[in-house]
């Protein structure tokens, strides 16, 4: 029985063969391009994917902040090696990290930021969202705010949002019927007197800071007074920053 012979290929069928070889020839492939050759918009979306974004980063400057339930973390992200790829990539990542998250500080850390806020000045200038908490009436003197970094004036001017969460002093054991009942309770006049003195000191301490904010915070910055500020404090904030918005969903 005769074996079947292979069919000879026509010339036009073999014409594609050299082209197929060139497709698998590494020397004929396009030159690879690096990450920085990508358009900036695409690099930005990649940074958004691997870096924290839209989160609150609490700057834990002292033991009191560390014990607060809302002062708990700056997320440990696995892709931090992206900062080591090149100087340009590092700077672009820092821009995203500082501009796309809210940095939370105690006002005392701005007052003595050379001790508590150990960020390089160029990084501080990248901050666009800031949340300031607590005015400690036992810490400050009634004076013009002092701050280590002269950059703070520029930081305030460049902010997109400024959230103020200053817990106004409240009487201890405030009755259910409210502040009016407390003030007019003959048995608690000693507490009323102490609370009023505390409120006077509170406003004396707060006014220089609000005056500073009103001078440097930009007109387009969204200023939010959170619920914990109290009605009197919110009214005072609006005196210096009339565009301030109220927020009644404070988680502080």
Protein backbone atom coordinates (compact mmCIF):
# COMPACT_ATOMS: atom_id res chain seq x y z
CA UNK A 1 0.00 0.00 0.00
CA UNK A 2 1.47 3.34 -1.08
CA UNK A 3 2.10 5.89 1.65
CA UNK A 4 0.57 9.35 1.29
CA UNK A 5 3.14 11.94 0.27
CA UNK A 6 3.07 15.40 1.91
CA UNK A 7 1.54 18.08 -0.26
CA UNK A 8 4.11 20.59 -1.53
CA UNK A 9 3.46 24.19 -0.42
CA UNK A 10 2.94 26.84 -2.99
CA UNK A 11 5.19 29.91 -3.00
CA UNK A 12 2.41 32.23 -1.84
CA UNK A 13 1.74 29.99 1.19
CA UNK A 14 5.36 30.27 2.32
CA UNK A 15 5.45 34.04 1.93
CA UNK A 16 4.12 34.59 5.46
CA UNK A 17 6.83 32.52 7.04
CA UNK A 18 9.55 35.22 7.23
CA UNK A 19 7.05 37.69 8.73
CA UNK A 20 6.15 35.18 11.42
CA UNK A 21 9.82 34.75 12.22
CA UNK A 22 10.28 38.49 12.55
CA UNK A 23 7.36 38.66 15.00
CA UNK A 24 9.20 36.31 17.34
CA UNK A 25 12.56 37.96 16.85
CA UNK A 26 13.36 40.05 19.98
CA UNK A 27 15.52 42.40 17.94
CA UNK A 28 12.51 43.39 15.85
CA UNK A 29 10.21 44.22 18.81
CA UNK A 30 9.53 47.83 19.87
CA UNK A 31 11.88 49.19 22.54
CA UNK A 32 10.26 48.82 26.00
CA UNK A 33 9.43 52.09 27.77
CA UNK A 34 9.63 52.83 31.48
CA UNK A 35 6.97 53.76 34.02
CA UNK A 36 7.80 57.44 33.69
CA UNK A 37 7.05 57.23 29.97
CA UNK A 38 3.38 56.71 30.84
CA UNK A 39 1.18 59.82 30.68
CA UNK A 40 0.96 61.64 34.05
CA UNK A 41 -2.77 60.92 34.25
CA UNK A 42 -2.18 57.16 34.07
CA UNK A 43 0.62 57.32 36.65
CA UNK A 44 -1.71 59.27 38.93
CA UNK A 45 -4.39 56.57 38.74
CA UNK A 46 -1.77 53.95 39.57
CA UNK A 47 -0.72 55.95 42.64
CA UNK A 48 -4.39 56.23 43.65
CA UNK A 49 -4.60 52.44 43.55
CA UNK A 50 -1.57 51.67 45.72
CA UNK A 51 -1.45 54.60 48.18
CA UNK A 52 -3.85 55.61 50.97
CA UNK A 53 -6.40 58.11 49.69
CA UNK A 54 -9.34 59.88 51.29
CA UNK A 55 -8.30 58.76 54.78
CA UNK A 56 -7.62 60.57 58.05
CA UNK A 57 -4.00 60.32 59.12
CA UNK A 58 -3.63 61.22 62.79
CA UNK A 59 -0.27 62.68 63.78
CA UNK A 60 0.29 61.02 67.13
CA UNK A 61 2.55 63.48 68.86
CA UNK A 62 2.08 62.45 72.47
CA UNK A 63 0.63 59.75 74.69
CA UNK A 64 -2.71 61.56 75.05
CA UNK A 65 -3.37 61.31 71.34
CA UNK A 66 -2.39 57.66 71.21
CA UNK A 67 -5.06 56.74 73.74
CA UNK A 68 -7.87 58.46 71.86
CA UNK A 69 -10.11 56.04 69.91
CA UNK A 70 -10.00 58.22 66.80
CA UNK A 71 -6.21 58.68 66.90
CA UNK A 72 -5.28 55.21 65.89
CA UNK A 73 -3.42 54.84 62.67
CA UNK A 74 -1.77 55.67 59.46
CA UNK A 75 -2.38 52.56 57.38
CA UNK A 76 0.59 50.29 56.70
CA UNK A 77 0.44 49.77 52.95
CA UNK A 78 2.42 47.00 51.31
CA UNK A 79 3.48 48.91 48.23
CA UNK A 80 5.75 51.42 49.95
CA UNK A 81 8.64 50.28 47.77
CA UNK A 82 7.21 52.57 45.09
CA UNK A 83 8.95 55.42 46.94
CA UNK A 84 12.34 53.88 46.18
CA UNK A 85 12.01 53.58 42.40
CA UNK A 86 13.25 57.05 41.50
CA UNK A 87 13.32 60.58 42.86
CA UNK A 88 10.57 61.71 40.48
CA UNK A 89 8.28 58.81 41.39
CA UNK A 90 8.91 59.44 45.09
CA UNK A 91 7.93 63.10 44.72
CA UNK A 92 4.80 62.22 42.76
CA UNK A 93 3.81 59.67 45.42
CA UNK A 94 4.37 62.21 48.20
CA UNK A 95 2.14 64.67 46.35
CA UNK A 96 -0.65 62.07 46.34
CA UNK A 97 -0.09 60.99 49.94
CA UNK A 98 -0.14 64.51 51.37
CA UNK A 99 -2.75 66.09 49.10
CA UNK A 100 -5.31 63.26 48.98
CA UNK A 101 -5.59 62.55 52.74
CA UNK A 102 -6.67 64.57 55.78
CA UNK A 103 -3.96 65.19 58.35
CA UNK A 104 -5.22 65.48 61.90
CA UNK A 105 -3.29 67.40 64.54
CA UNK A 106 -3.90 68.78 67.97
CA UNK A 107 -3.72 72.54 68.01
CA UNK A 108 -0.91 72.26 70.55
CA UNK A 109 1.14 70.45 67.90
CA UNK A 110 0.85 73.46 65.61
CA UNK A 111 1.79 75.63 68.59
CA UNK A 112 4.97 73.60 69.18
CA UNK A 113 5.33 71.85 65.85
CA UNK A 114 9.11 71.70 66.14
CA UNK A 115 8.53 69.02 68.80
CA UNK A 116 5.51 67.15 67.47
CA UNK A 117 5.23 67.63 63.70
CA UNK A 118 8.51 66.27 62.42
CA UNK A 119 7.67 66.48 58.73
CA UNK A 120 10.06 68.17 56.32
CA UNK A 121 8.80 71.60 55.37
CA UNK A 122 8.36 70.71 51.67
CA UNK A 123 6.04 67.87 52.72
CA UNK A 124 4.04 70.12 55.04
CA UNK A 125 3.44 72.43 52.10
CA UNK A 126 1.80 69.56 50.20
CA UNK A 127 -1.03 69.22 52.78
CA UNK A 128 -4.42 70.19 51.34
CA UNK A 129 -6.82 68.80 53.97
CA UNK A 130 -6.30 69.56 57.66
CA UNK A 131 -8.31 68.68 60.76
CA UNK A 132 -7.41 70.46 63.99
CA UNK A 133 -8.68 69.08 67.29
CA UNK A 134 -8.68 70.24 70.90
CA UNK A 135 -7.82 73.50 72.51
CA UNK A 136 -6.30 72.59 75.87
CA UNK A 137 -7.06 75.46 78.25
CA UNK A 138 -4.37 74.20 80.63
CA UNK A 139 -1.67 74.36 77.97
CA UNK A 140 -1.89 77.73 76.27
CA UNK A 141 -1.46 81.27 77.37
CA UNK A 142 -3.70 83.93 75.87
CA UNK A 143 -1.24 85.15 73.28
CA UNK A 144 -0.62 85.20 69.56
CA UNK A 145 -0.08 81.63 68.31
CA UNK A 146 3.53 80.56 67.99
CA UNK A 147 4.59 77.90 65.54
CA UNK A 148 7.96 76.57 64.54
CA UNK A 149 7.46 76.26 60.81
CA UNK A 150 6.92 79.59 59.08
CA UNK A 151 5.42 77.39 56.39
CA UNK A 152 2.17 77.23 58.38
CA UNK A 153 1.02 80.52 56.87
CA UNK A 154 1.43 79.01 53.40
CA UNK A 155 -0.15 75.72 54.50
CA UNK A 156 -3.31 77.53 55.61
CA UNK A 157 -3.40 79.58 52.40
CA UNK A 158 -3.26 76.46 50.20
CA UNK A 159 -5.77 74.27 52.05
CA UNK A 160 -8.80 72.87 50.26
CA UNK A 161 -10.56 71.92 53.51
CA UNK A 162 -10.01 72.93 57.13
CA UNK A 163 -12.01 71.03 59.75
CA UNK A 164 -12.14 72.41 63.29
CA UNK A 165 -13.07 70.01 66.09
CA UNK A 166 -12.59 72.13 69.21
CA UNK A 167 -14.53 70.61 72.09
CA UNK A 168 -16.11 73.49 73.93
CA UNK A 169 -16.01 73.13 77.75
CA UNK A 170 -19.22 71.74 79.17
CA UNK A 171 -20.39 71.57 82.75
CA UNK A 172 -19.95 68.19 84.36
CA UNK A 173 -23.18 66.28 85.03
CA UNK A 174 -25.28 68.63 82.90
CA UNK A 175 -28.97 67.99 83.75
CA UNK A 176 -31.29 66.51 81.15
CA UNK A 177 -33.27 69.75 81.02
CA UNK A 178 -30.23 71.56 79.65
CA UNK A 179 -27.90 74.42 80.32
CA UNK A 180 -30.60 76.88 81.43
CA UNK A 181 -31.61 74.61 84.31
CA UNK A 182 -27.96 74.16 85.31
CA UNK A 183 -27.25 77.91 85.36
CA UNK A 184 -30.28 78.68 87.52
CA UNK A 185 -29.88 75.80 89.97
CA UNK A 186 -29.11 77.43 93.37
CA UNK A 187 -27.32 74.29 94.56
CA UNK A 188 -24.80 74.39 91.71
CA UNK A 189 -23.79 78.04 91.59
CA UNK A 190 -20.20 77.15 92.49
CA UNK A 191 -19.99 74.91 89.43
CA UNK A 192 -21.67 77.57 87.32
CA UNK A 193 -19.04 80.12 88.36
CA UNK A 194 -16.17 77.73 87.54
CA UNK A 195 -17.71 76.87 84.18
CA UNK A 196 -18.13 80.54 83.26
CA UNK A 197 -14.51 81.23 84.15
CA UNK A 198 -13.47 78.29 81.98
CA UNK A 199 -15.54 79.62 79.08
CA UNK A 200 -13.95 83.07 79.39
CA UNK A 201 -10.50 81.49 79.26
CA UNK A 202 -11.61 79.28 76.37
CA UNK A 203 -12.60 82.24 74.21
CA UNK A 204 -9.48 84.21 75.20
CA UNK A 205 -7.37 81.32 73.96
CA UNK A 206 -9.40 80.68 70.84
CA UNK A 207 -9.62 84.23 69.49
CA UNK A 208 -5.90 84.60 68.54
CA UNK A 209 -6.05 81.32 66.63
CA UNK A 210 -9.22 82.25 64.79
CA UNK A 211 -7.73 85.63 63.97
CA UNK A 212 -4.71 83.85 62.48
CA UNK A 213 -6.96 81.46 60.52
CA UNK A 214 -9.05 84.34 59.23
CA UNK A 215 -5.92 86.11 58.00
CA UNK A 216 -4.33 83.24 56.10
CA UNK A 217 -7.04 80.70 55.19
CA UNK A 218 -7.89 81.16 51.52
CA UNK A 219 -11.29 82.35 50.34
CA UNK A 220 -11.88 79.08 48.46
CA UNK A 221 -10.98 76.85 51.42
CA UNK A 222 -13.95 74.89 52.76
CA UNK A 223 -14.00 75.53 56.52
CA UNK A 224 -16.09 73.16 58.64
CA UNK A 225 -16.91 73.56 62.33
CA UNK A 226 -17.81 70.14 63.71
CA UNK A 227 -20.60 69.44 66.16
CA UNK A 228 -18.30 69.11 69.16
CA UNK A 229 -17.41 72.81 68.87
CA UNK A 230 -20.65 73.86 70.52
CA UNK A 231 -22.99 76.66 69.45
CA UNK A 232 -21.01 79.50 71.04
CA UNK A 233 -17.72 78.36 69.53
CA UNK A 234 -19.26 77.91 66.07
CA UNK A 235 -20.65 81.44 66.21
CA UNK A 236 -17.20 82.75 67.12
CA UNK A 237 -15.58 80.77 64.29
CA UNK A 238 -18.05 82.26 61.80
CA UNK A 239 -17.20 85.74 63.03
CA UNK A 240 -13.64 85.27 61.75
CA UNK A 241 -14.47 82.96 58.85
CA UNK A 242 -18.02 83.81 57.70
CA UNK A 243 -18.10 81.07 55.07
CA UNK A 244 -17.63 78.36 57.72
CA UNK A 245 -20.04 75.43 57.40
CA UNK A 246 -21.62 73.47 60.25
CA UNK A 247 -21.13 69.72 60.42
CA UNK A 248 -23.42 67.74 62.72
CA UNK A 249 -21.92 64.35 61.94
CA UNK A 250 -18.68 64.74 63.86
CA UNK A 251 -17.05 61.46 64.88
CA UNK A 252 -14.78 63.05 67.43
